[in-house]
């Protein structure tokens, strides 16, 4: 994720990172000036989070979604 964000063409894309856990990656993204949000869940297919994910995608006008891992993929699939 960090490599993707670091190498993203910022003239064409503004990265917004949603994570389902907090940790060193979030701290590094913050230090890089990348907008990020944590929507904590330990479970894949956590339907209680789907509405919040969809709301974020609409609010930020997200056009491209990259999801890595079962938890991320299963919790953004419905919303994206």
PDB file of N, CA and C in Angstrom:
ATOM      1  N   UNK A   1       0.820  -1.171   0.000  1.00  0.00           N
ATOM      2  CA  UNK A   1       0.000   0.000   0.000  1.00  0.00           C
ATOM      3  C   UNK A   1       0.874   1.248   0.000  1.00  0.00           C
ATOM      4  N   UNK A   2       1.843   1.274   0.864  1.00  0.00           N
ATOM      5  CA  UNK A   2       2.701   2.460   0.946  1.00  0.00           C
ATOM      6  C   UNK A   2       3.415   2.722  -0.376  1.00  0.00           C
ATOM      7  N   UNK A   3       3.884   1.680  -1.020  1.00  0.00           N
ATOM      8  CA  UNK A   3       4.564   1.837  -2.299  1.00  0.00           C
ATOM      9  C   UNK A   3       3.616   2.397  -3.353  1.00  0.00           C
ATOM     10  N   UNK A   4       2.394   1.916  -3.371  1.00  0.00           N
ATOM     11  CA  UNK A   4       1.404   2.444  -4.315  1.00  0.00           C
ATOM     12  C   UNK A   4       1.176   3.934  -4.098  1.00  0.00           C
ATOM     13  N   UNK A   5       0.985   4.314  -2.856  1.00  0.00           N
ATOM     14  CA  UNK A   5       0.717   5.718  -2.533  1.00  0.00           C
ATOM     15  C   UNK A   5       1.936   6.584  -2.828  1.00  0.00           C
ATOM     16  N   UNK A   6       3.108   6.087  -2.481  1.00  0.00           N
ATOM     17  CA  UNK A   6       4.336   6.862  -2.709  1.00  0.00           C
ATOM     18  C   UNK A   6       4.590   7.123  -4.188  1.00  0.00           C
ATOM     19  N   UNK A   7       4.185   6.181  -5.035  1.00  0.00           N
ATOM     20  CA  UNK A   7       4.464   6.289  -6.462  1.00  0.00           C
ATOM     21  C   UNK A   7       3.272   6.756  -7.286  1.00  0.00           C
ATOM     22  N   UNK A   8       2.210   7.145  -6.636  1.00  0.00           N
ATOM     23  CA  UNK A   8       1.016   7.622  -7.324  1.00  0.00           C
ATOM     24  C   UNK A   8       1.267   9.009  -7.907  1.00  0.00           C
ATOM     25  N   UNK A   9       0.816   9.220  -9.121  1.00  0.00           N
ATOM     26  CA  UNK A   9       0.952  10.523  -9.772  1.00  0.00           C
ATOM     27  C   UNK A   9      -0.021  11.498  -9.113  1.00  0.00           C
ATOM     28  N   UNK A  10       0.482  12.316  -8.218  1.00  0.00           N
ATOM     29  CA  UNK A  10      -0.364  13.233  -7.446  1.00  0.00           C
ATOM     30  C   UNK A  10      -0.947  14.364  -8.289  1.00  0.00           C
ATOM     31  N   UNK A  11      -0.469  14.526  -9.508  1.00  0.00           N
ATOM     32  CA  UNK A  11      -1.066  15.525 -10.393  1.00  0.00           C
ATOM     33  C   UNK A  11      -2.396  15.032 -10.942  1.00  0.00           C
ATOM     34  N   UNK A  12      -2.574  13.710 -10.971  1.00  0.00           N
ATOM     35  CA  UNK A  12      -3.798  13.120 -11.515  1.00  0.00           C
ATOM     36  C   UNK A  12      -4.671  12.444 -10.470  1.00  0.00           C
ATOM     37  N   UNK A  13      -4.092  12.070  -9.340  1.00  0.00           N
ATOM     38  CA  UNK A  13      -4.831  11.334  -8.318  1.00  0.00           C
ATOM     39  C   UNK A  13      -4.525  11.877  -6.930  1.00  0.00           C
ATOM     40  N   UNK A  14      -5.551  11.918  -6.107  1.00  0.00           N
ATOM     41  CA  UNK A  14      -5.376  12.296  -4.702  1.00  0.00           C
ATOM     42  C   UNK A  14      -5.671  11.060  -3.858  1.00  0.00           C
ATOM     43  N   UNK A  15      -4.658  10.492  -3.217  1.00  0.00           N
ATOM     44  CA  UNK A  15      -4.897   9.264  -2.466  1.00  0.00           C
ATOM     45  C   UNK A  15      -5.704   9.503  -1.189  1.00  0.00           C
ATOM     46  N   UNK A  16      -6.625   8.587  -0.943  1.00  0.00           N
ATOM     47  CA  UNK A  16      -7.375   8.519   0.308  1.00  0.00           C
ATOM     48  C   UNK A  16      -7.311   7.057   0.716  1.00  0.00           C
ATOM     49  N   UNK A  17      -6.789   6.779   1.897  1.00  0.00           N
ATOM     50  CA  UNK A  17      -6.603   5.398   2.334  1.00  0.00           C
ATOM     51  C   UNK A  17      -7.568   5.082   3.462  1.00  0.00           C
ATOM     52  N   UNK A  18      -8.306   3.988   3.280  1.00  0.00           N
ATOM     53  CA  UNK A  18      -9.170   3.449   4.323  1.00  0.00           C
ATOM     54  C   UNK A  18      -8.520   2.172   4.817  1.00  0.00           C
ATOM     55  N   UNK A  19      -8.356   2.069   6.115  1.00  0.00           N
ATOM     56  CA  UNK A  19      -7.776   0.872   6.709  1.00  0.00           C
ATOM     57  C   UNK A  19      -8.742   0.325   7.749  1.00  0.00           C
ATOM     58  N   UNK A  20      -8.711  -0.979   7.922  1.00  0.00           N
ATOM     59  CA  UNK A  20      -9.566  -1.609   8.921  1.00  0.00           C
ATOM     60  C   UNK A  20      -8.808  -1.918  10.205  1.00  0.00           C
ATOM     61  N   UNK A  21      -7.547  -1.485  10.273  1.00  0.00           N
ATOM     62  CA  UNK A  21      -6.754  -1.587  11.498  1.00  0.00           C
ATOM     63  C   UNK A  21      -5.895  -0.335  11.621  1.00  0.00           C
ATOM     64  N   UNK A  22      -5.479  -0.049  12.821  1.00  0.00           N
ATOM     65  CA  UNK A  22      -4.591   1.078  13.064  1.00  0.00           C
ATOM     66  C   UNK A  22      -3.187   0.526  13.276  1.00  0.00           C
ATOM     67  N   UNK A  23      -2.185   1.296  12.939  1.00  0.00           N
ATOM     68  CA  UNK A  23      -0.829   0.812  13.158  1.00  0.00           C
ATOM     69  C   UNK A  23       0.196   1.669  12.463  1.00  0.00           C
ATOM     70  N   UNK A  24       1.398   1.120  12.253  1.00  0.00           N
ATOM     71  CA  UNK A  24       2.502   1.886  11.676  1.00  0.00           C
ATOM     72  C   UNK A  24       2.192   2.456  10.289  1.00  0.00           C
ATOM     73  N   UNK A  25       1.431   1.718   9.478  1.00  0.00           N
ATOM     74  CA  UNK A  25       1.109   2.223   8.148  1.00  0.00           C
ATOM     75  C   UNK A  25       0.315   3.526   8.230  1.00  0.00           C
ATOM     76  N   UNK A  26      -0.631   3.594   9.137  1.00  0.00           N
ATOM     77  CA  UNK A  26      -1.453   4.797   9.285  1.00  0.00           C
ATOM     78  C   UNK A  26      -0.587   5.964   9.741  1.00  0.00           C
ATOM     79  N   UNK A  27       0.314   5.695  10.662  1.00  0.00           N
ATOM     80  CA  UNK A  27       1.221   6.751  11.126  1.00  0.00           C
ATOM     81  C   UNK A  27       2.093   7.264   9.975  1.00  0.00           C
ATOM     82  N   UNK A  28       2.580   6.350   9.173  1.00  0.00           N
ATOM     83  CA  UNK A  28       3.431   6.757   8.042  1.00  0.00           C
ATOM     84  C   UNK A  28       2.629   7.539   7.002  1.00  0.00           C
ATOM     85  N   UNK A  29       1.412   7.100   6.709  1.00  0.00           N
ATOM     86  CA  UNK A  29       0.566   7.829   5.767  1.00  0.00           C
ATOM     87  C   UNK A  29       0.291   9.242   6.264  1.00  0.00           C
ATOM     88  N   UNK A  30       0.015   9.365   7.546  1.00  0.00           N
ATOM     89  CA  UNK A  30      -0.226  10.678   8.145  1.00  0.00           C
ATOM     90  C   UNK A  30       1.005  11.559   7.996  1.00  0.00           C
ATOM     91  N   UNK A  31       2.177  11.002   8.276  1.00  0.00           N
ATOM     92  CA  UNK A  31       3.428  11.755   8.134  1.00  0.00           C
ATOM     93  C   UNK A  31       3.696  12.169   6.690  1.00  0.00           C
ATOM     94  N   UNK A  32       3.178  11.386   5.736  1.00  0.00           N
ATOM     95  CA  UNK A  32       3.338  11.696   4.319  1.00  0.00           C
ATOM     96  C   UNK A  32       2.308  12.723   3.846  1.00  0.00           C
ATOM     97  N   UNK A  33       1.356  13.057   4.717  1.00  0.00           N
ATOM     98  CA  UNK A  33       0.313  13.999   4.338  1.00  0.00           C
ATOM     99  C   UNK A  33      -0.812  13.371   3.542  1.00  0.00           C
ATOM    100  N   UNK A  34      -0.959  12.048   3.639  1.00  0.00           N
ATOM    101  CA  UNK A  34      -2.000  11.336   2.908  1.00  0.00           C
ATOM    102  C   UNK A  34      -3.239  11.219   3.787  1.00  0.00           C
ATOM    103  N   UNK A  35      -4.373  11.631   3.231  1.00  0.00           N
ATOM    104  CA  UNK A  35      -5.628  11.502   3.977  1.00  0.00           C
ATOM    105  C   UNK A  35      -5.898  10.026   4.220  1.00  0.00           C
ATOM    106  N   UNK A  36      -6.246   9.692   5.451  1.00  0.00           N
ATOM    107  CA  UNK A  36      -6.537   8.302   5.779  1.00  0.00           C
ATOM    108  C   UNK A  36      -7.579   8.228   6.874  1.00  0.00           C
ATOM    109  N   UNK A  37      -8.294   7.123   6.882  1.00  0.00           N
ATOM    110  CA  UNK A  37      -9.295   6.871   7.912  1.00  0.00           C
ATOM    111  C   UNK A  37      -9.203   5.417   8.336  1.00  0.00           C
ATOM    112  N   UNK A  38      -9.482   5.186   9.594  1.00  0.00           N
ATOM    113  CA  UNK A  38      -9.508   3.828  10.127  1.00  0.00           C
ATOM    114  C   UNK A  38     -10.942   3.508  10.517  1.00  0.00           C
ATOM    115  N   UNK A  39     -11.432   2.421   9.983  1.00  0.00           N
ATOM    116  CA  UNK A  39     -12.757   1.910  10.307  1.00  0.00           C
ATOM    117  C   UNK A  39     -12.521   0.510  10.871  1.00  0.00           C
ATOM    118  N   UNK A  40     -12.289   0.432  12.171  1.00  0.00           N
ATOM    119  CA  UNK A  40     -11.777  -0.788  12.791  1.00  0.00           C
ATOM    120  C   UNK A  40     -12.753  -1.961  12.709  1.00  0.00           C
ATOM    121  N   UNK A  41     -12.246  -3.075  12.252  1.00  0.00           N
ATOM    122  CA  UNK A  41     -12.944  -4.351  12.313  1.00  0.00           C
ATOM    123  C   UNK A  41     -11.910  -5.467  12.223  1.00  0.00           C
ATOM    124  N   UNK A  42     -12.181  -6.549  12.881  1.00  0.00           N
ATOM    125  CA  UNK A  42     -11.294  -7.716  12.815  1.00  0.00           C
ATOM    126  C   UNK A  42     -11.815  -8.762  11.843  1.00  0.00           C
ATOM    127  N   UNK A  43     -13.030  -8.543  11.331  1.00  0.00           N
ATOM    128  CA  UNK A  43     -13.685  -9.599  10.559  1.00  0.00           C
ATOM    129  C   UNK A  43     -13.812  -9.258   9.078  1.00  0.00           C
ATOM    130  N   UNK A  44     -13.640 -10.261   8.229  1.00  0.00           N
ATOM    131  CA  UNK A  44     -14.067 -10.085   6.848  1.00  0.00           C
ATOM    132  C   UNK A  44     -15.596 -10.151   6.810  1.00  0.00           C
ATOM    133  N   UNK A  45     -16.192  -9.601   5.784  1.00  0.00           N
ATOM    134  CA  UNK A  45     -17.646  -9.588   5.607  1.00  0.00           C
ATOM    135  C   UNK A  45     -18.360  -9.011   6.820  1.00  0.00           C
ATOM    136  N   UNK A  46     -17.842  -7.925   7.346  1.00  0.00           N
ATOM    137  CA  UNK A  46     -18.450  -7.253   8.499  1.00  0.00           C
ATOM    138  C   UNK A  46     -19.499  -6.267   7.979  1.00  0.00           C
ATOM    139  N   UNK A  47     -20.724  -6.758   7.825  1.00  0.00           N
ATOM    140  CA  UNK A  47     -21.771  -5.939   7.201  1.00  0.00           C
ATOM    141  C   UNK A  47     -22.092  -4.684   8.000  1.00  0.00           C
ATOM    142  N   UNK A  48     -21.695  -4.654   9.252  1.00  0.00           N
ATOM    143  CA  UNK A  48     -21.940  -3.442  10.045  1.00  0.00           C
ATOM    144  C   UNK A  48     -21.062  -2.282   9.578  1.00  0.00           C
ATOM    145  N   UNK A  49     -20.044  -2.540   8.781  1.00  0.00           N
ATOM    146  CA  UNK A  49     -19.133  -1.496   8.288  1.00  0.00           C
ATOM    147  C   UNK A  49     -19.437  -1.062   6.857  1.00  0.00           C
ATOM    148  N   UNK A  50     -20.234  -1.823   6.133  1.00  0.00           N
ATOM    149  CA  UNK A  50     -20.437  -1.575   4.711  1.00  0.00           C
ATOM    150  C   UNK A  50     -21.046  -0.205   4.421  1.00  0.00           C
ATOM    151  N   UNK A  51     -21.998   0.210   5.216  1.00  0.00           N
ATOM    152  CA  UNK A  51     -22.636   1.510   4.993  1.00  0.00           C
ATOM    153  C   UNK A  51     -21.622   2.647   5.165  1.00  0.00           C
ATOM    154  N   UNK A  52     -20.771   2.546   6.171  1.00  0.00           N
ATOM    155  CA  UNK A  52     -19.753   3.575   6.404  1.00  0.00           C
ATOM    156  C   UNK A  52     -18.742   3.612   5.252  1.00  0.00           C
ATOM    157  N   UNK A  53     -18.393   2.454   4.716  1.00  0.00           N
ATOM    158  CA  UNK A  53     -17.477   2.404   3.578  1.00  0.00           C
ATOM    159  C   UNK A  53     -18.120   3.085   2.369  1.00  0.00           C
ATOM    160  N   UNK A  54     -19.367   2.753   2.104  1.00  0.00           N
ATOM    161  CA  UNK A  54     -20.070   3.355   0.968  1.00  0.00           C
ATOM    162  C   UNK A  54     -20.173   4.873   1.129  1.00  0.00           C
ATOM    163  N   UNK A  55     -20.465   5.315   2.332  1.00  0.00           N
ATOM    164  CA  UNK A  55     -20.565   6.752   2.605  1.00  0.00           C
ATOM    165  C   UNK A  55     -19.231   7.450   2.328  1.00  0.00           C
ATOM    166  N   UNK A  56     -18.131   6.846   2.763  1.00  0.00           N
ATOM    167  CA  UNK A  56     -16.805   7.412   2.526  1.00  0.00           C
ATOM    168  C   UNK A  56     -16.499   7.486   1.030  1.00  0.00           C
ATOM    169  N   UNK A  57     -16.795   6.421   0.298  1.00  0.00           N
ATOM    170  CA  UNK A  57     -16.527   6.405  -1.142  1.00  0.00           C
ATOM    171  C   UNK A  57     -17.287   7.517  -1.857  1.00  0.00           C
ATOM    172  N   UNK A  58     -18.527   7.724  -1.461  1.00  0.00           N
ATOM    173  CA  UNK A  58     -19.331   8.790  -2.079  1.00  0.00           C
ATOM    174  C   UNK A  58     -18.849  10.173  -1.662  1.00  0.00           C
ATOM    175  N   UNK A  59     -18.597  10.345  -0.381  1.00  0.00           N
ATOM    176  CA  UNK A  59     -18.169  11.651   0.140  1.00  0.00           C
ATOM    177  C   UNK A  59     -16.871  12.108  -0.516  1.00  0.00           C
ATOM    178  N   UNK A  60     -15.927  11.204  -0.637  1.00  0.00           N
ATOM    179  CA  UNK A  60     -14.614  11.532  -1.193  1.00  0.00           C
ATOM    180  C   UNK A  60     -14.574  11.426  -2.718  1.00  0.00           C
ATOM    181  N   UNK A  61     -15.697  10.996  -3.316  1.00  0.00           N
ATOM    182  CA  UNK A  61     -15.783  10.825  -4.782  1.00  0.00           C
ATOM    183  C   UNK A  61     -14.665   9.916  -5.294  1.00  0.00           C
ATOM    184  N   UNK A  62     -14.529   8.778  -4.634  1.00  0.00           N
ATOM    185  CA  UNK A  62     -13.490   7.808  -4.971  1.00  0.00           C
ATOM    186  C   UNK A  62     -13.798   7.183  -6.330  1.00  0.00           C
ATOM    187  N   UNK A  63     -12.809   7.192  -7.215  1.00  0.00           N
ATOM    188  CA  UNK A  63     -12.971   6.638  -8.557  1.00  0.00           C
ATOM    189  C   UNK A  63     -12.232   5.320  -8.753  1.00  0.00           C
ATOM    190  N   UNK A  64     -11.234   5.069  -7.924  1.00  0.00           N
ATOM    191  CA  UNK A  64     -10.424   3.868  -8.057  1.00  0.00           C
ATOM    192  C   UNK A  64     -10.226   3.262  -6.676  1.00  0.00           C
ATOM    193  N   UNK A  65     -10.497   1.958  -6.559  1.00  0.00           N
ATOM    194  CA  UNK A  65     -10.359   1.272  -5.276  1.00  0.00           C
ATOM    195  C   UNK A  65      -9.326   0.162  -5.423  1.00  0.00           C
ATOM    196  N   UNK A  66      -8.370   0.128  -4.512  1.00  0.00           N
ATOM    197  CA  UNK A  66      -7.423  -0.980  -4.413  1.00  0.00           C
ATOM    198  C   UNK A  66      -7.649  -1.615  -3.049  1.00  0.00           C
ATOM    199  N   UNK A  67      -7.948  -2.898  -3.043  1.00  0.00           N
ATOM    200  CA  UNK A  67      -8.154  -3.609  -1.779  1.00  0.00           C
ATOM    201  C   UNK A  67      -7.179  -4.776  -1.730  1.00  0.00           C
ATOM    202  N   UNK A  68      -6.578  -4.981  -0.574  1.00  0.00           N
ATOM    203  CA  UNK A  68      -5.573  -6.025  -0.406  1.00  0.00           C
ATOM    204  C   UNK A  68      -5.946  -6.876   0.796  1.00  0.00           C
ATOM    205  N   UNK A  69      -6.147  -8.146   0.582  1.00  0.00           N
ATOM    206  CA  UNK A  69      -6.460  -9.067   1.665  1.00  0.00           C
ATOM    207  C   UNK A  69      -7.957  -9.319   1.787  1.00  0.00           C
ATOM    208  N   UNK A  70      -8.296 -10.411   2.437  1.00  0.00           N
ATOM    209  CA  UNK A  70      -9.690 -10.829   2.569  1.00  0.00           C
ATOM    210  C   UNK A  70     -10.536  -9.808   3.297  1.00  0.00           C
ATOM    211  N   UNK A  71     -10.048  -9.280   4.396  1.00  0.00           N
ATOM    212  CA  UNK A  71     -10.829  -8.323   5.183  1.00  0.00           C
ATOM    213  C   UNK A  71     -11.147  -7.080   4.360  1.00  0.00           C
ATOM    214  N   UNK A  72     -10.148  -6.531   3.703  1.00  0.00           N
ATOM    215  CA  UNK A  72     -10.363  -5.319   2.905  1.00  0.00           C
ATOM    216  C   UNK A  72     -11.265  -5.606   1.709  1.00  0.00           C
ATOM    217  N   UNK A  73     -10.968  -6.654   0.973  1.00  0.00           N
ATOM    218  CA  UNK A  73     -11.766  -6.967  -0.220  1.00  0.00           C
ATOM    219  C   UNK A  73     -13.227  -7.213   0.122  1.00  0.00           C
ATOM    220  N   UNK A  74     -13.464  -8.001   1.145  1.00  0.00           N
ATOM    221  CA  UNK A  74     -14.843  -8.351   1.490  1.00  0.00           C
ATOM    222  C   UNK A  74     -15.622  -7.182   2.067  1.00  0.00           C
ATOM    223  N   UNK A  75     -14.929  -6.207   2.632  1.00  0.00           N
ATOM    224  CA  UNK A  75     -15.635  -5.083   3.245  1.00  0.00           C
ATOM    225  C   UNK A  75     -15.754  -3.863   2.337  1.00  0.00           C
ATOM    226  N   UNK A  76     -15.113  -3.878   1.181  1.00  0.00           N
ATOM    227  CA  UNK A  76     -15.310  -2.781   0.224  1.00  0.00           C
ATOM    228  C   UNK A  76     -16.034  -3.239  -1.034  1.00  0.00           C
ATOM    229  N   UNK A  77     -16.100  -4.535  -1.278  1.00  0.00           N
ATOM    230  CA  UNK A  77     -16.711  -5.062  -2.498  1.00  0.00           C
ATOM    231  C   UNK A  77     -18.128  -4.549  -2.699  1.00  0.00           C
ATOM    232  N   UNK A  78     -18.967  -4.670  -1.699  1.00  0.00           N
ATOM    233  CA  UNK A  78     -20.361  -4.265  -1.809  1.00  0.00           C
ATOM    234  C   UNK A  78     -20.474  -2.768  -2.056  1.00  0.00           C
ATOM    235  N   UNK A  79     -19.678  -1.997  -1.378  1.00  0.00           N
ATOM    236  CA  UNK A  79     -19.768  -0.535  -1.469  1.00  0.00           C
ATOM    237  C   UNK A  79     -19.204  -0.003  -2.780  1.00  0.00           C
ATOM    238  N   UNK A  80     -18.157  -0.639  -3.285  1.00  0.00           N
ATOM    239  CA  UNK A  80     -17.512  -0.143  -4.505  1.00  0.00           C
ATOM    240  C   UNK A  80     -18.348  -0.501  -5.708  1.00  0.00           C
TER     241      UNK A  80
END
